[in-house]
Amino acid sequence: MTDQDKTIRTRFAPSPTGYVHIGNFRTALFSYLFAKHSGGQFILRIEDTDRTRLVEGAVEN
């Protein structure tokens, strides 16, 4: 596989521990714009590994 065959893939993987703050939003936006500019993919993946701090309804908000 050459470098030209590789597709850019970025992700944003927040934990559902409350509302998204401005730093989270900035990171997600930059990742999305970079993927879009490069013709790649942006993936949103909710990390649920921190079950002790899980806030019910955080994913929906």
PDB file of N, CA and C in Angstrom:
ATOM      1  N   MET A   1       0.853  -1.183   0.000  1.00  0.00           N
ATOM      2  CA  MET A   1       0.000   0.000   0.000  1.00  0.00           C
ATOM      3  C   MET A   1       0.895   1.241   0.000  1.00  0.00           C
ATOM      4  N   THR A   2       0.641   2.111  -0.918  1.00  0.00           N
ATOM      5  CA  THR A   2       1.409   3.346  -0.995  1.00  0.00           C
ATOM      6  C   THR A   2       0.721   4.427  -0.177  1.00  0.00           C
ATOM      7  N   ASP A   3       1.430   5.517   0.046  1.00  0.00           N
ATOM      8  CA  ASP A   3       0.851   6.638   0.789  1.00  0.00           C
ATOM      9  C   ASP A   3      -0.361   7.221   0.076  1.00  0.00           C
ATOM     10  N   GLN A   4      -0.390   7.134  -1.240  1.00  0.00           N
ATOM     11  CA  GLN A   4      -1.510   7.682  -2.004  1.00  0.00           C
ATOM     12  C   GLN A   4      -2.778   6.851  -1.830  1.00  0.00           C
ATOM     13  N   ASP A   5      -2.641   5.576  -1.458  1.00  0.00           N
ATOM     14  CA  ASP A   5      -3.794   4.697  -1.275  1.00  0.00           C
ATOM     15  C   ASP A   5      -4.426   4.821   0.109  1.00  0.00           C
ATOM     16  N   LYS A   6      -3.757   5.468   1.029  1.00  0.00           N
ATOM     17  CA  LYS A   6      -4.256   5.565   2.400  1.00  0.00           C
ATOM     18  C   LYS A   6      -5.320   6.648   2.512  1.00  0.00           C
ATOM     19  N   THR A   7      -6.379   6.346   3.236  1.00  0.00           N
ATOM     20  CA  THR A   7      -7.451   7.299   3.483  1.00  0.00           C
ATOM     21  C   THR A   7      -7.301   7.856   4.888  1.00  0.00           C
ATOM     22  N   ILE A   8      -7.425   9.156   5.024  1.00  0.00           N
ATOM     23  CA  ILE A   8      -7.380   9.800   6.335  1.00  0.00           C
ATOM     24  C   ILE A   8      -8.639   9.425   7.101  1.00  0.00           C
ATOM     25  N   ARG A   9      -8.474   9.031   8.359  1.00  0.00           N
ATOM     26  CA  ARG A   9      -9.609   8.728   9.222  1.00  0.00           C
ATOM     27  C   ARG A   9      -9.345   9.388  10.577  1.00  0.00           C
ATOM     28  N   THR A  10     -10.238  10.288  10.971  1.00  0.00           N
ATOM     29  CA  THR A  10     -10.117  10.937  12.272  1.00  0.00           C
ATOM     30  C   THR A  10     -11.299  10.519  13.128  1.00  0.00           C
ATOM     31  N   ARG A  11     -11.163  10.697  14.440  1.00  0.00           N
ATOM     32  CA  ARG A  11     -12.261  10.321  15.321  1.00  0.00           C
ATOM     33  C   ARG A  11     -12.350  11.269  16.499  1.00  0.00           C
ATOM     34  N   PHE A  12     -13.521  11.296  17.068  1.00  0.00           N
ATOM     35  CA  PHE A  12     -13.770  12.006  18.315  1.00  0.00           C
ATOM     36  C   PHE A  12     -14.467  11.001  19.209  1.00  0.00           C
ATOM     37  N   ALA A  13     -13.890  10.712  20.366  1.00  0.00           N
ATOM     38  CA  ALA A  13     -14.399   9.647  21.230  1.00  0.00           C
ATOM     39  C   ALA A  13     -14.567  10.146  22.665  1.00  0.00           C
ATOM     40  N   PRO A  14     -15.606  10.945  22.907  1.00  0.00           N
ATOM     41  CA  PRO A  14     -15.810  11.446  24.266  1.00  0.00           C
ATOM     42  C   PRO A  14     -16.418  10.384  25.183  1.00  0.00           C
ATOM     43  N   SER A  15     -16.193  10.531  26.475  1.00  0.00           N
ATOM     44  CA  SER A  15     -16.870   9.701  27.468  1.00  0.00           C
ATOM     45  C   SER A  15     -18.180  10.374  27.828  1.00  0.00           C
ATOM     46  N   PRO A  16     -19.246   9.610  28.029  1.00  0.00           N
ATOM     47  CA  PRO A  16     -20.546  10.202  28.370  1.00  0.00           C
ATOM     48  C   PRO A  16     -20.619  10.577  29.848  1.00  0.00           C
ATOM     49  N   THR A  17     -19.803  11.555  30.238  1.00  0.00           N
ATOM     50  CA  THR A  17     -19.737  11.952  31.648  1.00  0.00           C
ATOM     51  C   THR A  17     -20.329  13.332  31.888  1.00  0.00           C
ATOM     52  N   GLY A  18     -21.067  13.853  30.955  1.00  0.00           N
ATOM     53  CA  GLY A  18     -21.687  15.171  31.101  1.00  0.00           C
ATOM     54  C   GLY A  18     -21.744  15.876  29.761  1.00  0.00           C
ATOM     55  N   TYR A  19     -22.006  17.152  29.808  1.00  0.00           N
ATOM     56  CA  TYR A  19     -22.111  17.947  28.590  1.00  0.00           C
ATOM     57  C   TYR A  19     -20.754  18.111  27.913  1.00  0.00           C
ATOM     58  N   VAL A  20     -20.769  18.239  26.602  1.00  0.00           N
ATOM     59  CA  VAL A  20     -19.554  18.520  25.837  1.00  0.00           C
ATOM     60  C   VAL A  20     -19.156  19.967  26.109  1.00  0.00           C
ATOM     61  N   HIS A  21     -17.888  20.199  26.436  1.00  0.00           N
ATOM     62  CA  HIS A  21     -17.431  21.567  26.684  1.00  0.00           C
ATOM     63  C   HIS A  21     -16.708  22.103  25.451  1.00  0.00           C
ATOM     64  N   ILE A  22     -16.317  23.345  25.496  1.00  0.00           N
ATOM     65  CA  ILE A  22     -15.758  24.039  24.330  1.00  0.00           C
ATOM     66  C   ILE A  22     -14.490  23.360  23.804  1.00  0.00           C
ATOM     67  N   GLY A  23     -13.680  22.807  24.697  1.00  0.00           N
ATOM     68  CA  GLY A  23     -12.470  22.103  24.263  1.00  0.00           C
ATOM     69  C   GLY A  23     -12.799  20.845  23.477  1.00  0.00           C
ATOM     70  N   ASN A  24     -13.817  20.105  23.941  1.00  0.00           N
ATOM     71  CA  ASN A  24     -14.274  18.925  23.200  1.00  0.00           C
ATOM     72  C   ASN A  24     -14.792  19.327  21.827  1.00  0.00           C
ATOM     73  N   PHE A  25     -15.605  20.372  21.805  1.00  0.00           N
ATOM     74  CA  PHE A  25     -16.187  20.829  20.546  1.00  0.00           C
ATOM     75  C   PHE A  25     -15.100  21.258  19.565  1.00  0.00           C
ATOM     76  N   ARG A  26     -14.098  21.984  20.045  1.00  0.00           N
ATOM     77  CA  ARG A  26     -12.994  22.436  19.194  1.00  0.00           C
ATOM     78  C   ARG A  26     -12.250  21.246  18.597  1.00  0.00           C
ATOM     79  N   THR A  27     -11.935  20.260  19.424  1.00  0.00           N
ATOM     80  CA  THR A  27     -11.223  19.080  18.949  1.00  0.00           C
ATOM     81  C   THR A  27     -12.028  18.334  17.892  1.00  0.00           C
ATOM     82  N   ALA A  28     -13.321  18.154  18.153  1.00  0.00           N
ATOM     83  CA  ALA A  28     -14.183  17.462  17.195  1.00  0.00           C
ATOM     84  C   ALA A  28     -14.274  18.239  15.883  1.00  0.00           C
ATOM     85  N   LEU A  29     -14.427  19.551  15.977  1.00  0.00           N
ATOM     86  CA  LEU A  29     -14.532  20.381  14.780  1.00  0.00           C
ATOM     87  C   LEU A  29     -13.262  20.314  13.942  1.00  0.00           C
ATOM     88  N   PHE A  30     -12.101  20.457  14.571  1.00  0.00           N
ATOM     89  CA  PHE A  30     -10.843  20.404  13.831  1.00  0.00           C
ATOM     90  C   PHE A  30     -10.651  19.037  13.178  1.00  0.00           C
ATOM     91  N   SER A  31     -10.990  17.970  13.899  1.00  0.00           N
ATOM     92  CA  SER A  31     -10.862  16.622  13.340  1.00  0.00           C
ATOM     93  C   SER A  31     -11.790  16.435  12.149  1.00  0.00           C
ATOM     94  N   TYR A  32     -13.021  16.920  12.280  1.00  0.00           N
ATOM     95  CA  TYR A  32     -13.989  16.819  11.183  1.00  0.00           C
ATOM     96  C   TYR A  32     -13.507  17.595   9.955  1.00  0.00           C
ATOM     97  N   LEU A  33     -13.066  18.832  10.171  1.00  0.00           N
ATOM     98  CA  LEU A  33     -12.629  19.662   9.045  1.00  0.00           C
ATOM     99  C   LEU A  33     -11.395  19.088   8.357  1.00  0.00           C
ATOM    100  N   PHE A  34     -10.467  18.531   9.134  1.00  0.00           N
ATOM    101  CA  PHE A  34      -9.275  17.911   8.548  1.00  0.00           C
ATOM    102  C   PHE A  34      -9.665  16.708   7.694  1.00  0.00           C
ATOM    103  N   ALA A  35     -10.561  15.870   8.212  1.00  0.00           N
ATOM    104  CA  ALA A  35     -11.007  14.702   7.447  1.00  0.00           C
ATOM    105  C   ALA A  35     -11.716  15.129   6.167  1.00  0.00           C
ATOM    106  N   LYS A  36     -12.582  16.125   6.278  1.00  0.00           N
ATOM    107  CA  LYS A  36     -13.328  16.599   5.107  1.00  0.00           C
ATOM    108  C   LYS A  36     -12.371  17.179   4.061  1.00  0.00           C
ATOM    109  N   HIS A  37     -11.416  17.984   4.501  1.00  0.00           N
ATOM    110  CA  HIS A  37     -10.437  18.595   3.597  1.00  0.00           C
ATOM    111  C   HIS A  37      -9.603  17.535   2.876  1.00  0.00           C
ATOM    112  N   SER A  38      -9.308  16.445   3.577  1.00  0.00           N
ATOM    113  CA  SER A  38      -8.452  15.394   3.028  1.00  0.00           C
ATOM    114  C   SER A  38      -9.222  14.322   2.275  1.00  0.00           C
ATOM    115  N   GLY A  39     -10.546  14.461   2.208  1.00  0.00           N
ATOM    116  CA  GLY A  39     -11.350  13.440   1.547  1.00  0.00           C
ATOM    117  C   GLY A  39     -11.458  12.165   2.360  1.00  0.00           C
ATOM    118  N   GLY A  40     -11.307  12.304   3.670  1.00  0.00           N
ATOM    119  CA  GLY A  40     -11.322  11.138   4.541  1.00  0.00           C
ATOM    120  C   GLY A  40     -12.622  10.963   5.291  1.00  0.00           C
ATOM    121  N   GLN A  41     -12.529  10.260   6.407  1.00  0.00           N
ATOM    122  CA  GLN A  41     -13.689   9.952   7.227  1.00  0.00           C
ATOM    123  C   GLN A  41     -13.530  10.548   8.613  1.00  0.00           C
ATOM    124  N   PHE A  42     -14.647  10.981   9.182  1.00  0.00           N
ATOM    125  CA  PHE A  42     -14.700  11.429  10.572  1.00  0.00           C
ATOM    126  C   PHE A  42     -15.610  10.459  11.308  1.00  0.00           C
ATOM    127  N   ILE A  43     -15.119   9.894  12.396  1.00  0.00           N
ATOM    128  CA  ILE A  43     -15.867   8.895  13.149  1.00  0.00           C
ATOM    129  C   ILE A  43     -16.171   9.431  14.541  1.00  0.00           C
ATOM    130  N   LEU A  44     -17.428   9.360  14.925  1.00  0.00           N
ATOM    131  CA  LEU A  44     -17.846   9.691  16.289  1.00  0.00           C
ATOM    132  C   LEU A  44     -18.061   8.378  17.011  1.00  0.00           C
ATOM    133  N   ARG A  45     -17.284   8.161  18.069  1.00  0.00           N
ATOM    134  CA  ARG A  45     -17.394   6.927  18.846  1.00  0.00           C
ATOM    135  C   ARG A  45     -17.537   7.305  20.315  1.00  0.00           C
ATOM    136  N   ILE A  46     -18.625   6.887  20.924  1.00  0.00           N
ATOM    137  CA  ILE A  46     -18.851   7.188  22.334  1.00  0.00           C
ATOM    138  C   ILE A  46     -18.101   6.158  23.174  1.00  0.00           C
ATOM    139  N   GLU A  47     -17.163   6.628  23.987  1.00  0.00           N
ATOM    140  CA  GLU A  47     -16.386   5.762  24.870  1.00  0.00           C
ATOM    141  C   GLU A  47     -17.188   5.504  26.135  1.00  0.00           C
ATOM    142  N   ASP A  48     -17.475   4.262  26.414  1.00  0.00           N
ATOM    143  CA  ASP A  48     -18.221   3.948  27.632  1.00  0.00           C
ATOM    144  C   ASP A  48     -17.380   3.129  28.605  1.00  0.00           C
ATOM    145  N   THR A  49     -16.085   3.386  28.628  1.00  0.00           N
ATOM    146  CA  THR A  49     -15.181   2.626  29.483  1.00  0.00           C
ATOM    147  C   THR A  49     -15.132   3.146  30.910  1.00  0.00           C
ATOM    148  N   ASP A  50     -15.576   4.354  31.154  1.00  0.00           N
ATOM    149  CA  ASP A  50     -15.542   4.954  32.492  1.00  0.00           C
ATOM    150  C   ASP A  50     -16.945   4.873  33.105  1.00  0.00           C
ATOM    151  N   ARG A  51     -17.370   3.663  33.442  1.00  0.00           N
ATOM    152  CA  ARG A  51     -18.734   3.432  33.916  1.00  0.00           C
ATOM    153  C   ARG A  51     -19.011   4.097  35.264  1.00  0.00           C
ATOM    154  N   THR A  52     -17.981   4.358  36.066  1.00  0.00           N
ATOM    155  CA  THR A  52     -18.210   4.962  37.384  1.00  0.00           C
ATOM    156  C   THR A  52     -18.635   6.418  37.281  1.00  0.00           C
ATOM    157  N   ARG A  53     -18.255   7.106  36.209  1.00  0.00           N
ATOM    158  CA  ARG A  53     -18.620   8.520  36.043  1.00  0.00           C
ATOM    159  C   ARG A  53     -19.700   8.737  34.993  1.00  0.00           C
ATOM    160  N   LEU A  54     -20.320   7.665  34.528  1.00  0.00           N
ATOM    161  CA  LEU A  54     -21.363   7.753  33.514  1.00  0.00           C
ATOM    162  C   LEU A  54     -22.519   8.612  34.001  1.00  0.00           C
ATOM    163  N   VAL A  55     -22.955   9.540  33.166  1.00  0.00           N
ATOM    164  CA  VAL A  55     -24.106  10.396  33.459  1.00  0.00           C
ATOM    165  C   VAL A  55     -25.237   9.957  32.536  1.00  0.00           C
ATOM    166  N   GLU A  56     -26.337   9.505  33.132  1.00  0.00           N
ATOM    167  CA  GLU A  56     -27.484   9.075  32.331  1.00  0.00           C
ATOM    168  C   GLU A  56     -27.976  10.238  31.466  1.00  0.00           C
ATOM    169  N   GLY A  57     -28.215   9.977  30.199  1.00  0.00           N
ATOM    170  CA  GLY A  57     -28.710  10.991  29.282  1.00  0.00           C
ATOM    171  C   GLY A  57     -27.627  11.830  28.627  1.00  0.00           C
ATOM    172  N   ALA A  58     -26.366  11.618  28.971  1.00  0.00           N
ATOM    173  CA  ALA A  58     -25.286  12.440  28.411  1.00  0.00           C
ATOM    174  C   ALA A  58     -25.128  12.223  26.910  1.00  0.00           C
ATOM    175  N   VAL A  59     -25.338  11.024  26.436  1.00  0.00           N
ATOM    176  CA  VAL A  59     -25.202  10.744  25.003  1.00  0.00           C
ATOM    177  C   VAL A  59     -26.287  11.475  24.222  1.00  0.00           C
ATOM    178  N   GLU A  60     -27.494  11.497  24.758  1.00  0.00           N
ATOM    179  CA  GLU A  60     -28.599  12.155  24.068  1.00  0.00           C
ATOM    180  C   GLU A  60     -28.435  13.668  24.045  1.00  0.00           C
ATOM    181  N   ASN A  61     -27.793  14.232  25.047  1.00  0.00           N
ATOM    182  CA  ASN A  61     -27.612  15.678  25.110  1.00  0.00           C
ATOM    183  C   ASN A  61     -26.451  16.079  24.252  1.00  0.00           C
TER     184      ASN A  61
END
